[in-house]
Structures are given as C-alpha cells and as structure tokens.
C-alpha cells in the first residue's frame, strides 16, 4: 500500500534527481576578461558637472573594479571605456508615490564600449541608470547630492557588469 508520505516524496525525489546533471556540468564563462577600465565624459557633462565629475568617475571605476572581480585581468588586452553622456538629478530629493507627486528619479546615461587589443570595438552598450532621488537619505543633509551621484554611479556599474556578462 502506498502511504501519503511515499506518494508525496516520489515526485520530489524525481525532481531532485533530474537536477543532478545540471549541477554536474561546469558553468560557462560569463564574460571576456577586461584588461583596463577608463571613464570618460562628454563635453556637456564636463561643463555641467565639473567639480562633481571626478567623484562620479572614481565611484564608477571603483565599483567596476570591485564587481568585475576575476574578469578584471590587467594583461588581457581588452579595454572597457565608459563614456558618461548625461547626468540628471531631480530638483526635489523626496516625494514619491506617498506624497501624491509621483516618482522623482535621478538618471545617469552612459555608453560602455569594449575594445580589443587593436582598438576595434567588440561591443557597445548604451545604459540609462535610474535611482530614486529620495533614496540617498534626507534632503536637508549637506552631502545628499554627492550620495545621489554615487548611487547613480554604482547602479550604472552594476548594469555594465550585467551587459558584459551576457
């Protein structure tokens, strides 16, 4: 006689055994190694965000170095160039759906281009990062804009990693 326990365990055991071949296969390589990372900005971004741009570039480069991990291999020959084409901070760092004003977001647009050893582009990815303007903390703190810019740079770096990984 089949008990309820055996009846329920049979499909679970079959499902677990069907996953064994997936776990036994080696993982495919996720992305080509990146030899170097360079952050650039368009002239309009440089003129508009001048004193803040080095901080954004440093945050973007540092986050990319951290999250790319083993894919960042200095002698691989490929080069990742990230060109920041637009940064937009909402004038009001707060609000949102609870105040009835709708969402208020900050944006950072960039293009991540991967070049081979000879300088030919391998792949190019336009990226638009969005963060809530209220996500960086209280609007009345003096460094709220810097925290908003850093959050955008980190968000952009994670999207770049996602596109590079395929």
N, C-alpha and C. Protein backbone atom coordinates (compact mmCIF):
# COMPACT_ATOMS: atom_id res chain seq x y z
N UNK A 1 0.84 -1.18 0.00
CA UNK A 1 0.00 0.00 0.00
C UNK A 1 0.89 1.25 0.00
N UNK A 2 0.52 2.23 -0.78
CA UNK A 2 1.27 3.48 -0.87
C UNK A 2 0.74 4.45 0.18
N UNK A 3 1.65 4.91 1.02
CA UNK A 3 1.25 5.86 2.04
C UNK A 3 1.30 7.28 1.46
N UNK A 4 0.69 8.19 2.18
CA UNK A 4 0.69 9.58 1.75
C UNK A 4 2.11 10.14 1.69
N UNK A 5 2.94 9.77 2.66
CA UNK A 5 4.32 10.23 2.72
C UNK A 5 5.11 9.77 1.48
N UNK A 6 4.96 8.50 1.14
CA UNK A 6 5.66 7.96 -0.02
C UNK A 6 5.12 8.59 -1.31
N UNK A 7 3.82 8.83 -1.36
CA UNK A 7 3.21 9.43 -2.53
C UNK A 7 3.75 10.84 -2.77
N UNK A 8 3.94 11.62 -1.69
CA UNK A 8 4.45 12.98 -1.80
C UNK A 8 5.97 13.01 -2.03
N UNK A 9 6.68 12.05 -1.50
CA UNK A 9 8.13 12.03 -1.63
C UNK A 9 8.59 11.62 -3.02
N UNK A 10 7.83 10.81 -3.70
CA UNK A 10 8.23 10.31 -5.01
C UNK A 10 8.44 11.42 -6.04
N UNK A 11 7.53 12.37 -6.23
CA UNK A 11 7.77 13.44 -7.19
C UNK A 11 8.92 14.36 -6.77
N UNK A 12 9.06 14.59 -5.47
CA UNK A 12 10.16 15.44 -5.00
C UNK A 12 11.51 14.79 -5.27
N UNK A 13 11.60 13.50 -5.06
CA UNK A 13 12.84 12.78 -5.33
C UNK A 13 13.16 12.78 -6.82
N UNK A 14 12.15 12.59 -7.65
CA UNK A 14 12.36 12.61 -9.10
C UNK A 14 12.82 13.98 -9.56
N UNK A 15 12.25 15.03 -9.01
CA UNK A 15 12.65 16.38 -9.36
C UNK A 15 14.09 16.65 -8.94
N UNK A 16 14.47 16.20 -7.75
CA UNK A 16 15.85 16.40 -7.28
C UNK A 16 16.83 15.63 -8.15
N UNK A 17 16.49 14.41 -8.54
CA UNK A 17 17.38 13.63 -9.39
C UNK A 17 17.49 14.22 -10.79
N UNK A 18 16.47 14.89 -11.27
CA UNK A 18 16.54 15.49 -12.61
C UNK A 18 17.47 16.70 -12.64
N UNK A 19 17.73 17.30 -11.48
CA UNK A 19 18.62 18.46 -11.41
C UNK A 19 20.08 18.06 -11.29
N UNK A 20 20.40 16.83 -11.01
CA UNK A 20 21.78 16.39 -10.84
C UNK A 20 22.64 16.66 -12.08
N UNK A 21 22.17 16.36 -13.30
CA UNK A 21 23.01 16.65 -14.47
C UNK A 21 23.33 18.13 -14.61
N UNK A 22 22.42 19.02 -14.23
CA UNK A 22 22.68 20.45 -14.30
C UNK A 22 23.77 20.87 -13.32
N UNK A 23 23.77 20.32 -12.16
CA UNK A 23 24.76 20.67 -11.15
C UNK A 23 26.13 20.10 -11.48
N UNK A 24 26.17 19.02 -12.23
CA UNK A 24 27.44 18.37 -12.52
C UNK A 24 28.18 19.02 -13.68
N UNK A 25 27.50 19.82 -14.50
CA UNK A 25 28.17 20.45 -15.64
C UNK A 25 28.88 21.71 -15.18
N UNK A 26 30.06 22.00 -15.75
CA UNK A 26 30.77 23.21 -15.37
C UNK A 26 30.04 24.44 -15.90
N UNK A 27 30.15 25.52 -15.17
CA UNK A 27 29.49 26.76 -15.57
C UNK A 27 30.21 27.35 -16.79
N UNK A 28 29.45 27.93 -17.67
CA UNK A 28 30.04 28.57 -18.85
C UNK A 28 30.69 29.88 -18.44
N UNK A 29 31.70 30.27 -19.18
CA UNK A 29 32.37 31.54 -18.90
C UNK A 29 31.36 32.66 -19.11
N UNK A 30 31.29 33.58 -18.16
CA UNK A 30 30.27 34.60 -18.24
C UNK A 30 30.66 35.78 -19.10
N UNK A 31 31.92 36.14 -19.14
CA UNK A 31 32.30 37.30 -19.93
C UNK A 31 33.77 37.21 -20.30
N UNK A 32 34.12 37.98 -21.31
CA UNK A 32 35.51 38.08 -21.69
C UNK A 32 36.25 38.89 -20.63
N UNK A 33 37.51 38.58 -20.38
CA UNK A 33 38.25 39.36 -19.39
C UNK A 33 38.45 40.80 -19.84
N UNK A 34 38.44 41.71 -18.90
CA UNK A 34 38.63 43.13 -19.17
C UNK A 34 40.01 43.51 -18.68
N UNK A 35 40.82 44.11 -19.55
CA UNK A 35 42.18 44.46 -19.18
C UNK A 35 42.28 45.77 -18.43
N UNK A 36 41.51 46.76 -18.84
CA UNK A 36 41.56 48.07 -18.18
C UNK A 36 40.20 48.73 -18.29
N UNK A 37 39.97 49.68 -17.39
CA UNK A 37 38.72 50.43 -17.37
C UNK A 37 39.06 51.91 -17.40
N UNK A 38 38.43 52.63 -18.32
CA UNK A 38 38.62 54.08 -18.38
C UNK A 38 37.26 54.76 -18.39
N UNK A 39 37.13 55.81 -17.62
CA UNK A 39 35.88 56.56 -17.54
C UNK A 39 36.09 57.90 -18.23
N UNK A 40 35.20 58.22 -19.17
CA UNK A 40 35.24 59.49 -19.88
C UNK A 40 33.89 60.18 -19.72
N UNK A 41 33.83 61.42 -20.15
CA UNK A 41 32.56 62.16 -20.13
C UNK A 41 32.51 63.06 -21.35
N UNK A 42 31.30 63.31 -21.82
CA UNK A 42 31.12 64.20 -22.95
C UNK A 42 31.38 65.64 -22.49
N UNK A 43 31.71 66.54 -23.41
CA UNK A 43 31.98 67.93 -23.03
C UNK A 43 30.83 68.59 -22.27
N UNK A 44 29.59 68.28 -22.63
CA UNK A 44 28.46 68.90 -21.93
C UNK A 44 28.39 68.44 -20.47
N UNK A 45 28.71 67.18 -20.21
CA UNK A 45 28.72 66.68 -18.84
C UNK A 45 29.87 67.30 -18.06
N UNK A 46 31.02 67.44 -18.70
CA UNK A 46 32.18 68.05 -18.04
C UNK A 46 31.86 69.49 -17.64
N UNK A 47 31.25 70.25 -18.54
CA UNK A 47 30.95 71.65 -18.21
C UNK A 47 29.84 71.77 -17.17
N UNK A 48 28.88 70.87 -17.19
CA UNK A 48 27.76 70.97 -16.25
C UNK A 48 28.10 70.44 -14.86
N UNK A 49 28.92 69.38 -14.79
CA UNK A 49 29.17 68.70 -13.52
C UNK A 49 30.61 68.79 -13.08
N UNK A 50 31.38 69.69 -13.66
CA UNK A 50 32.82 69.84 -13.42
C UNK A 50 33.36 69.38 -12.09
N UNK A 51 33.06 70.04 -10.96
CA UNK A 51 33.66 69.65 -9.69
C UNK A 51 33.18 68.30 -9.15
N UNK A 52 32.02 67.86 -9.57
CA UNK A 52 31.46 66.58 -9.09
C UNK A 52 31.86 65.40 -9.96
N UNK A 53 32.30 65.66 -11.18
CA UNK A 53 32.58 64.58 -12.12
C UNK A 53 33.70 63.64 -11.68
N UNK A 54 34.82 64.15 -11.11
CA UNK A 54 35.84 63.21 -10.64
C UNK A 54 35.32 62.23 -9.58
N UNK A 55 34.42 62.69 -8.71
CA UNK A 55 33.85 61.80 -7.70
C UNK A 55 32.99 60.72 -8.36
N UNK A 56 32.19 61.09 -9.36
CA UNK A 56 31.34 60.13 -10.07
C UNK A 56 32.22 59.12 -10.80
N UNK A 57 33.25 59.61 -11.48
CA UNK A 57 34.16 58.72 -12.22
C UNK A 57 34.89 57.76 -11.28
N UNK A 58 35.33 58.26 -10.14
CA UNK A 58 36.03 57.41 -9.17
C UNK A 58 35.10 56.34 -8.60
N UNK A 59 33.86 56.72 -8.30
CA UNK A 59 32.89 55.75 -7.77
C UNK A 59 32.56 54.69 -8.82
N UNK A 60 32.39 55.12 -10.06
CA UNK A 60 32.08 54.19 -11.15
C UNK A 60 33.25 53.23 -11.38
N UNK A 61 34.46 53.78 -11.43
CA UNK A 61 35.64 52.93 -11.66
C UNK A 61 35.88 51.98 -10.48
N UNK A 62 35.74 52.48 -9.27
CA UNK A 62 35.94 51.63 -8.09
C UNK A 62 34.92 50.52 -7.99
N UNK A 63 33.67 50.84 -8.28
CA UNK A 63 32.62 49.81 -8.23
C UNK A 63 32.83 48.78 -9.33
N UNK A 64 33.22 49.23 -10.53
CA UNK A 64 33.50 48.28 -11.61
C UNK A 64 34.65 47.35 -11.23
N UNK A 65 35.71 47.90 -10.65
CA UNK A 65 36.85 47.06 -10.25
C UNK A 65 36.42 46.04 -9.20
N UNK A 66 35.56 46.46 -8.30
CA UNK A 66 35.09 45.57 -7.23
C UNK A 66 34.19 44.45 -7.76
N UNK A 67 33.24 44.80 -8.61
CA UNK A 67 32.26 43.80 -9.03
C UNK A 67 32.71 42.96 -10.21
N UNK A 68 33.65 43.45 -11.01
CA UNK A 68 34.15 42.62 -12.11
C UNK A 68 35.03 41.50 -11.59
N UNK A 69 35.70 41.75 -10.46
CA UNK A 69 36.49 40.73 -9.78
C UNK A 69 37.45 40.01 -10.70
N UNK A 70 37.31 38.69 -10.84
CA UNK A 70 38.24 37.91 -11.65
C UNK A 70 38.21 38.26 -13.14
N UNK A 71 37.13 38.89 -13.61
CA UNK A 71 37.07 39.27 -15.03
C UNK A 71 37.98 40.44 -15.33
N UNK A 72 38.46 41.15 -14.31
CA UNK A 72 39.38 42.27 -14.50
C UNK A 72 40.80 41.73 -14.45
N UNK A 73 41.39 41.55 -15.62
CA UNK A 73 42.73 40.98 -15.75
C UNK A 73 43.60 41.97 -16.51
N UNK A 74 44.48 42.68 -15.80
CA UNK A 74 45.24 43.77 -16.40
C UNK A 74 46.01 43.43 -17.68
N UNK A 75 46.40 42.23 -17.90
CA UNK A 75 47.19 41.91 -19.08
C UNK A 75 46.37 41.27 -20.20
N UNK A 76 45.05 41.34 -20.12
CA UNK A 76 44.24 40.64 -21.12
C UNK A 76 44.18 41.37 -22.46
N UNK A 77 44.42 42.66 -22.48
CA UNK A 77 44.44 43.39 -23.74
C UNK A 77 43.15 44.08 -24.09
N UNK A 78 42.02 43.63 -23.56
CA UNK A 78 40.77 44.33 -23.85
C UNK A 78 40.66 45.56 -22.96
N UNK A 79 39.89 46.52 -23.45
CA UNK A 79 39.77 47.79 -22.73
C UNK A 79 38.29 48.17 -22.67
N UNK A 80 37.83 48.50 -21.49
CA UNK A 80 36.45 48.96 -21.31
C UNK A 80 36.47 50.47 -21.14
N UNK A 81 35.77 51.17 -22.01
CA UNK A 81 35.67 52.62 -21.93
C UNK A 81 34.21 52.97 -21.66
N UNK A 82 33.98 53.65 -20.56
CA UNK A 82 32.64 54.08 -20.19
C UNK A 82 32.57 55.59 -20.40
N UNK A 83 31.69 56.01 -21.30
CA UNK A 83 31.52 57.43 -21.59
C UNK A 83 30.21 57.90 -20.98
N UNK A 84 30.31 58.81 -20.03
CA UNK A 84 29.12 59.38 -19.39
C UNK A 84 28.58 60.46 -20.30
N UNK A 85 27.34 60.30 -20.74
CA UNK A 85 26.77 61.26 -21.69
C UNK A 85 25.73 62.19 -21.07
N UNK A 86 25.20 61.82 -19.90
CA UNK A 86 24.19 62.66 -19.28
C UNK A 86 24.04 62.30 -17.80
N UNK A 87 23.93 63.32 -16.99
CA UNK A 87 23.59 63.15 -15.57
C UNK A 87 22.47 64.13 -15.28
N UNK A 88 21.43 63.61 -14.66
CA UNK A 88 20.30 64.47 -14.33
C UNK A 88 19.82 64.15 -12.93
N UNK A 89 19.90 65.14 -12.05
CA UNK A 89 19.36 65.00 -10.70
C UNK A 89 18.05 65.76 -10.63
N UNK A 90 17.03 65.11 -10.12
CA UNK A 90 15.74 65.75 -9.96
C UNK A 90 15.89 66.92 -8.99
N UNK A 91 15.17 67.98 -9.24
CA UNK A 91 15.25 69.17 -8.39
C UNK A 91 14.73 68.94 -6.98
N UNK A 92 13.92 67.92 -6.79
CA UNK A 92 13.34 67.66 -5.48
C UNK A 92 13.76 66.27 -5.04
N UNK A 93 14.56 66.19 -4.00
CA UNK A 93 15.04 64.90 -3.49
C UNK A 93 14.08 64.38 -2.45
N UNK A 94 12.98 63.88 -2.88
CA UNK A 94 11.98 63.37 -1.96
C UNK A 94 10.70 63.13 -2.71
N UNK A 95 9.60 63.16 -2.01
CA UNK A 95 8.32 62.94 -2.66
C UNK A 95 8.09 61.49 -2.93
N UNK A 96 7.58 61.21 -4.09
CA UNK A 96 7.29 59.84 -4.45
C UNK A 96 5.80 59.58 -4.44
N UNK A 97 5.43 58.33 -4.46
CA UNK A 97 4.01 57.98 -4.60
C UNK A 97 3.20 58.32 -3.35
N UNK A 98 3.85 58.39 -2.19
CA UNK A 98 3.07 58.64 -0.97
C UNK A 98 2.68 60.10 -0.83
N UNK A 99 3.40 61.01 -1.42
CA UNK A 99 3.04 62.42 -1.30
C UNK A 99 2.10 62.86 -2.41
N UNK A 100 1.82 61.97 -3.36
CA UNK A 100 0.91 62.31 -4.44
C UNK A 100 1.58 63.02 -5.59
N UNK A 101 2.89 63.19 -5.56
CA UNK A 101 3.58 63.92 -6.62
C UNK A 101 4.14 63.00 -7.68
N UNK A 102 3.96 61.69 -7.53
CA UNK A 102 4.54 60.75 -8.49
C UNK A 102 5.99 60.49 -8.15
N UNK A 103 6.64 59.72 -8.95
CA UNK A 103 8.03 59.38 -8.69
C UNK A 103 8.96 60.52 -9.07
N UNK A 104 10.05 60.65 -8.35
CA UNK A 104 11.08 61.62 -8.71
C UNK A 104 12.39 60.85 -8.77
N UNK A 105 12.95 60.78 -9.97
CA UNK A 105 14.13 59.96 -10.19
C UNK A 105 15.32 60.77 -10.66
N UNK A 106 16.50 60.22 -10.43
CA UNK A 106 17.76 60.74 -10.94
C UNK A 106 18.22 59.78 -12.04
N UNK A 107 18.96 60.30 -13.02
CA UNK A 107 19.39 59.49 -14.16
C UNK A 107 20.86 59.69 -14.46
N UNK A 108 21.50 58.64 -14.90
CA UNK A 108 22.87 58.71 -15.43
C UNK A 108 22.88 57.86 -16.70
N UNK A 109 23.22 58.48 -17.81
CA UNK A 109 23.30 57.77 -19.08
C UNK A 109 24.76 57.63 -19.48
N UNK A 110 25.11 56.44 -19.92
CA UNK A 110 26.48 56.19 -20.35
C UNK A 110 26.47 55.19 -21.49
N UNK A 111 27.63 55.05 -22.12
CA UNK A 111 27.84 54.01 -23.12
C UNK A 111 29.09 53.25 -22.70
N UNK A 112 28.94 51.96 -22.52
CA UNK A 112 30.08 51.10 -22.17
C UNK A 112 30.52 50.40 -23.45
N UNK A 113 31.76 50.66 -23.86
CA UNK A 113 32.29 50.06 -25.08
C UNK A 113 33.51 49.23 -24.74
N UNK A 114 33.51 48.01 -25.23
CA UNK A 114 34.63 47.09 -25.01
C UNK A 114 35.45 47.04 -26.30
N UNK A 115 36.75 47.34 -26.18
CA UNK A 115 37.66 47.35 -27.32
C UNK A 115 38.62 46.18 -27.23
N UNK A 116 39.01 45.64 -28.39
CA UNK A 116 40.01 44.57 -28.39
C UNK A 116 41.41 45.17 -28.34
N UNK A 117 42.40 44.31 -28.42
CA UNK A 117 43.81 44.71 -28.30
C UNK A 117 44.21 45.74 -29.37
N UNK A 118 43.62 45.63 -30.56
CA UNK A 118 43.99 46.55 -31.65
C UNK A 118 43.17 47.83 -31.65
N UNK A 119 42.23 47.97 -30.72
CA UNK A 119 41.44 49.20 -30.62
C UNK A 119 40.11 49.16 -31.35
N UNK A 120 39.77 48.02 -31.91
CA UNK A 120 38.47 47.88 -32.56
C UNK A 120 37.38 47.59 -31.52
N UNK A 121 36.21 48.22 -31.67
CA UNK A 121 35.13 47.95 -30.71
C UNK A 121 34.59 46.53 -30.87
N UNK A 122 34.50 45.83 -29.76
CA UNK A 122 33.93 44.48 -29.74
C UNK A 122 32.43 44.56 -29.50
N UNK A 123 32.05 45.37 -28.52
CA UNK A 123 30.64 45.53 -28.16
C UNK A 123 30.43 46.89 -27.53
N UNK A 124 29.22 47.40 -27.69
CA UNK A 124 28.89 48.70 -27.11
C UNK A 124 27.48 48.61 -26.53
N UNK A 125 27.32 49.14 -25.31
CA UNK A 125 26.05 49.04 -24.61
C UNK A 125 25.62 50.41 -24.09
N UNK A 126 24.54 50.98 -24.62
CA UNK A 126 24.02 52.21 -24.02
C UNK A 126 23.27 51.86 -22.74
N UNK A 127 23.53 52.61 -21.69
CA UNK A 127 22.95 52.29 -20.38
C UNK A 127 22.34 53.55 -19.78
N UNK A 128 21.14 53.42 -19.28
CA UNK A 128 20.49 54.51 -18.56
C UNK A 128 20.14 54.01 -17.17
N UNK A 129 20.84 54.52 -16.18
CA UNK A 129 20.61 54.13 -14.79
C UNK A 129 19.62 55.08 -14.16
N UNK A 130 18.74 54.52 -13.35
CA UNK A 130 17.72 55.30 -12.67
C UNK A 130 17.76 54.98 -11.18
N UNK A 131 17.75 56.00 -10.38
CA UNK A 131 17.67 55.85 -8.92
C UNK A 131 16.63 56.82 -8.40
N UNK A 132 15.96 56.43 -7.34
CA UNK A 132 15.01 57.34 -6.70
C UNK A 132 15.78 58.49 -6.07
N UNK A 133 15.31 59.71 -6.29
CA UNK A 133 16.02 60.87 -5.75
C UNK A 133 15.97 60.90 -4.23
N UNK A 134 14.99 60.25 -3.64
CA UNK A 134 14.89 60.22 -2.18
C UNK A 134 15.65 59.07 -1.55
N UNK A 135 16.27 58.23 -2.37
CA UNK A 135 16.95 57.05 -1.86
C UNK A 135 18.28 57.31 -1.18
N UNK A 136 18.81 58.50 -1.33
CA UNK A 136 20.13 58.81 -0.77
C UNK A 136 20.05 59.37 0.64
N UNK A 137 18.86 59.46 1.17
CA UNK A 137 18.73 59.96 2.54
C UNK A 137 17.98 61.28 2.59
N UNK A 138 18.07 61.89 3.72
CA UNK A 138 17.32 63.12 3.97
C UNK A 138 17.81 64.25 3.07
N UNK A 139 16.88 64.99 2.50
CA UNK A 139 17.21 66.05 1.54
C UNK A 139 17.96 67.21 2.19
N UNK A 140 17.85 67.36 3.49
CA UNK A 140 18.45 68.52 4.15
C UNK A 140 19.91 68.29 4.56
N UNK A 141 20.43 67.09 4.37
CA UNK A 141 21.84 66.85 4.67
C UNK A 141 22.72 67.49 3.60
N UNK A 142 23.87 67.98 4.00
CA UNK A 142 24.71 68.73 3.07
C UNK A 142 25.27 67.88 1.95
N UNK A 143 25.52 66.61 2.18
CA UNK A 143 26.12 65.77 1.14
C UNK A 143 25.10 64.92 0.38
N UNK A 144 23.85 65.32 0.38
CA UNK A 144 22.82 64.50 -0.26
C UNK A 144 23.06 64.38 -1.76
N UNK A 145 23.49 65.45 -2.42
CA UNK A 145 23.73 65.37 -3.86
C UNK A 145 24.91 64.46 -4.18
N UNK A 146 25.94 64.49 -3.36
CA UNK A 146 27.07 63.59 -3.58
C UNK A 146 26.65 62.13 -3.41
N UNK A 147 25.82 61.87 -2.42
CA UNK A 147 25.34 60.49 -2.22
C UNK A 147 24.43 60.05 -3.37
N UNK A 148 23.64 60.97 -3.90
CA UNK A 148 22.79 60.64 -5.05
C UNK A 148 23.65 60.32 -6.28
N UNK A 149 24.70 61.11 -6.50
CA UNK A 149 25.59 60.86 -7.65
C UNK A 149 26.34 59.54 -7.50
N UNK A 150 26.79 59.25 -6.28
CA UNK A 150 27.48 57.97 -6.05
C UNK A 150 26.54 56.78 -6.26
N UNK A 151 25.29 56.92 -5.83
CA UNK A 151 24.32 55.84 -6.02
C UNK A 151 24.08 55.61 -7.51
N UNK A 152 24.01 56.67 -8.29
CA UNK A 152 23.84 56.53 -9.74
C UNK A 152 25.04 55.83 -10.36
N UNK A 153 26.24 56.19 -9.93
CA UNK A 153 27.46 55.57 -10.47
C UNK A 153 27.50 54.08 -10.14
N UNK A 154 27.14 53.72 -8.91
CA UNK A 154 27.12 52.30 -8.54
C UNK A 154 26.08 51.54 -9.34
N UNK A 155 24.91 52.12 -9.51
CA UNK A 155 23.85 51.50 -10.29
C UNK A 155 24.32 51.28 -11.73
N UNK A 156 24.98 52.28 -12.30
CA UNK A 156 25.47 52.18 -13.67
C UNK A 156 26.52 51.07 -13.79
N UNK A 157 27.39 50.96 -12.80
CA UNK A 157 28.42 49.91 -12.82
C UNK A 157 27.79 48.53 -12.81
N UNK A 158 26.75 48.34 -12.01
CA UNK A 158 26.09 47.03 -11.97
C UNK A 158 25.43 46.71 -13.30
N UNK A 159 24.85 47.70 -13.98
CA UNK A 159 24.27 47.45 -15.30
C UNK A 159 25.36 47.11 -16.31
N UNK A 160 26.49 47.78 -16.22
CA UNK A 160 27.61 47.46 -17.13
C UNK A 160 28.04 46.01 -16.93
N UNK A 161 28.18 45.60 -15.68
CA UNK A 161 28.56 44.21 -15.42
C UNK A 161 27.52 43.25 -15.99
N UNK A 162 26.28 43.58 -15.85
CA UNK A 162 25.21 42.71 -16.37
C UNK A 162 25.33 42.55 -17.89
N UNK A 163 25.58 43.67 -18.59
CA UNK A 163 25.70 43.59 -20.05
C UNK A 163 26.97 42.86 -20.47
N UNK A 164 28.06 43.07 -19.75
CA UNK A 164 29.31 42.39 -20.10
C UNK A 164 29.21 40.88 -19.87
N UNK A 165 28.43 40.49 -18.87
CA UNK A 165 28.30 39.06 -18.56
C UNK A 165 27.43 38.34 -19.59
N UNK A 166 26.66 39.09 -20.34
CA UNK A 166 25.84 38.48 -21.39
C UNK A 166 24.60 37.99 -20.89
